[in-house]
Amino acid sequence: MADDKTKRAPQDKSRIAMGEDYEIAYWSKKFGVGKDTLAEAVSAVGNSAQKVADFLNKRL
């Protein structure tokens, strides 16, 4: 079953899907960072939301 694009929260809250604009918007807002900073963090530590939060020194 395909993602329901009307839902604006991540489908899997433990992973960050950089290929989905709504997930980028969600995680950027949650961490208080821009798209480029989020992409840099995901590139550095992978798409685990917890690892990205730790990298950015943010709280989930």
N, C-alpha and C. Protein backbone atom coordinates (compact mmCIF):
# COMPACT_ATOMS: atom_id res chain seq x y z
N MET A 1 0.84 -1.18 0.00
CA MET A 1 0.00 0.00 0.00
C MET A 1 0.89 1.25 0.00
N ALA A 2 0.59 2.20 -0.80
CA ALA A 2 1.38 3.42 -0.92
C ALA A 2 1.14 4.34 0.27
N ASP A 3 2.11 5.21 0.53
CA ASP A 3 1.95 6.19 1.60
C ASP A 3 0.74 7.07 1.31
N ASP A 4 0.02 7.42 2.35
CA ASP A 4 -1.09 8.35 2.24
C ASP A 4 -0.51 9.76 2.32
N LYS A 5 -0.43 10.45 1.21
CA LYS A 5 0.22 11.76 1.14
C LYS A 5 -0.55 12.85 1.88
N THR A 6 -1.78 12.54 2.33
CA THR A 6 -2.53 13.53 3.09
C THR A 6 -2.07 13.57 4.54
N LYS A 7 -1.39 12.52 5.00
CA LYS A 7 -0.85 12.51 6.35
C LYS A 7 0.50 13.21 6.31
N ARG A 8 0.70 14.16 7.20
CA ARG A 8 1.89 15.00 7.13
C ARG A 8 2.94 14.63 8.15
N ALA A 9 2.81 13.50 8.82
CA ALA A 9 3.83 13.02 9.76
C ALA A 9 4.52 11.82 9.13
N PRO A 10 5.70 11.49 9.59
CA PRO A 10 6.41 10.34 9.02
C PRO A 10 5.65 9.04 9.19
N GLN A 11 5.77 8.15 8.23
CA GLN A 11 5.13 6.85 8.33
C GLN A 11 5.89 5.96 9.31
N ASP A 12 7.19 6.08 9.36
CA ASP A 12 8.04 5.34 10.28
C ASP A 12 8.83 6.38 11.05
N LYS A 13 8.43 6.65 12.27
CA LYS A 13 9.04 7.74 13.03
C LYS A 13 10.47 7.47 13.47
N SER A 14 10.98 6.28 13.20
CA SER A 14 12.35 6.00 13.57
C SER A 14 13.32 6.27 12.42
N ARG A 15 12.80 6.56 11.24
CA ARG A 15 13.62 6.79 10.04
C ARG A 15 13.22 8.10 9.37
N ILE A 16 14.19 8.74 8.74
CA ILE A 16 13.95 9.98 8.00
C ILE A 16 14.07 9.67 6.52
N ALA A 17 12.97 9.85 5.78
CA ALA A 17 12.96 9.58 4.34
C ALA A 17 13.25 10.88 3.60
N MET A 18 14.50 11.05 3.18
CA MET A 18 14.89 12.29 2.50
C MET A 18 14.29 12.41 1.10
N GLY A 19 13.67 11.37 0.59
CA GLY A 19 13.05 11.41 -0.73
C GLY A 19 11.63 11.94 -0.70
N GLU A 20 11.11 12.23 0.48
CA GLU A 20 9.73 12.72 0.62
C GLU A 20 9.74 14.14 1.17
N ASP A 21 9.19 15.07 0.40
CA ASP A 21 9.19 16.48 0.80
C ASP A 21 8.49 16.70 2.14
N TYR A 22 7.37 15.99 2.36
CA TYR A 22 6.64 16.21 3.61
C TYR A 22 7.44 15.70 4.81
N GLU A 23 8.25 14.67 4.63
CA GLU A 23 9.08 14.21 5.74
C GLU A 23 10.24 15.17 6.00
N ILE A 24 10.81 15.71 4.95
CA ILE A 24 11.87 16.71 5.11
C ILE A 24 11.31 17.91 5.87
N ALA A 25 10.12 18.36 5.49
CA ALA A 25 9.50 19.49 6.18
C ALA A 25 9.22 19.16 7.64
N TYR A 26 8.71 17.97 7.89
CA TYR A 26 8.40 17.55 9.26
C TYR A 26 9.65 17.53 10.13
N TRP A 27 10.69 16.83 9.67
CA TRP A 27 11.90 16.68 10.47
C TRP A 27 12.66 17.99 10.59
N SER A 28 12.67 18.80 9.55
CA SER A 28 13.33 20.11 9.63
C SER A 28 12.68 20.96 10.71
N LYS A 29 11.35 20.97 10.73
CA LYS A 29 10.63 21.75 11.73
C LYS A 29 10.85 21.16 13.12
N LYS A 30 10.80 19.85 13.24
CA LYS A 30 10.97 19.19 14.53
C LYS A 30 12.34 19.49 15.14
N PHE A 31 13.38 19.46 14.31
CA PHE A 31 14.73 19.71 14.81
C PHE A 31 15.11 21.19 14.76
N GLY A 32 14.31 22.02 14.12
CA GLY A 32 14.61 23.44 14.05
C GLY A 32 15.81 23.75 13.17
N VAL A 33 15.94 22.98 12.07
CA VAL A 33 17.06 23.18 11.15
C VAL A 33 16.53 23.28 9.72
N GLY A 34 17.37 23.75 8.83
CA GLY A 34 17.00 23.84 7.43
C GLY A 34 17.18 22.50 6.71
N LYS A 35 16.69 22.45 5.50
CA LYS A 35 16.76 21.23 4.68
C LYS A 35 18.22 20.80 4.47
N ASP A 36 19.09 21.75 4.20
CA ASP A 36 20.50 21.42 3.94
C ASP A 36 21.18 20.84 5.18
N THR A 37 20.89 21.39 6.34
CA THR A 37 21.46 20.89 7.58
C THR A 37 20.95 19.50 7.88
N LEU A 38 19.66 19.27 7.64
CA LEU A 38 19.08 17.95 7.84
C LEU A 38 19.73 16.94 6.90
N ALA A 39 19.89 17.31 5.64
CA ALA A 39 20.52 16.42 4.66
C ALA A 39 21.96 16.11 5.05
N GLU A 40 22.67 17.09 5.55
CA GLU A 40 24.06 16.89 5.99
C GLU A 40 24.11 15.90 7.16
N ALA A 41 23.18 16.04 8.10
CA ALA A 41 23.14 15.15 9.25
C ALA A 41 22.81 13.72 8.82
N VAL A 42 21.84 13.56 7.93
CA VAL A 42 21.47 12.23 7.44
C VAL A 42 22.64 11.61 6.68
N SER A 43 23.33 12.42 5.91
CA SER A 43 24.49 11.93 5.17
C SER A 43 25.60 11.48 6.12
N ALA A 44 25.75 12.16 7.22
CA ALA A 44 26.82 11.86 8.17
C ALA A 44 26.54 10.61 9.01
N VAL A 45 25.29 10.44 9.45
CA VAL A 45 25.00 9.36 10.41
C VAL A 45 23.95 8.36 9.94
N GLY A 46 23.37 8.57 8.78
CA GLY A 46 22.32 7.67 8.30
C GLY A 46 20.94 8.23 8.59
N ASN A 47 19.90 7.45 8.26
CA ASN A 47 18.54 7.98 8.35
C ASN A 47 17.81 7.66 9.65
N SER A 48 18.52 7.18 10.65
CA SER A 48 17.92 6.95 11.95
C SER A 48 17.60 8.30 12.60
N ALA A 49 16.34 8.49 12.97
CA ALA A 49 15.93 9.76 13.58
C ALA A 49 16.70 10.02 14.88
N GLN A 50 16.93 8.97 15.66
CA GLN A 50 17.66 9.14 16.92
C GLN A 50 19.11 9.54 16.68
N LYS A 51 19.76 8.93 15.71
CA LYS A 51 21.15 9.27 15.41
C LYS A 51 21.26 10.70 14.87
N VAL A 52 20.30 11.10 14.05
CA VAL A 52 20.29 12.47 13.53
C VAL A 52 20.07 13.44 14.69
N ALA A 53 19.14 13.12 15.59
CA ALA A 53 18.90 13.98 16.76
C ALA A 53 20.17 14.11 17.59
N ASP A 54 20.85 13.00 17.81
CA ASP A 54 22.10 13.04 18.58
C ASP A 54 23.15 13.88 17.86
N PHE A 55 23.26 13.72 16.55
CA PHE A 55 24.22 14.49 15.74
C PHE A 55 23.94 15.98 15.84
N LEU A 56 22.68 16.33 15.83
CA LEU A 56 22.28 17.74 15.90
C LEU A 56 22.15 18.23 17.34
N ASN A 57 22.40 17.31 18.28
CA ASN A 57 22.23 17.63 19.71
C ASN A 57 20.83 18.15 20.01
N LYS A 58 19.87 17.45 19.44
CA LYS A 58 18.46 17.81 19.64
C LYS A 58 17.78 16.68 20.38
N ARG A 59 16.64 16.98 20.93
CA ARG A 59 15.85 15.98 21.65
C ARG A 59 14.68 15.53 20.80
N LEU A 60 14.47 14.23 20.74
CA LEU A 60 13.30 13.71 20.00
C LEU A 60 12.08 13.86 20.79
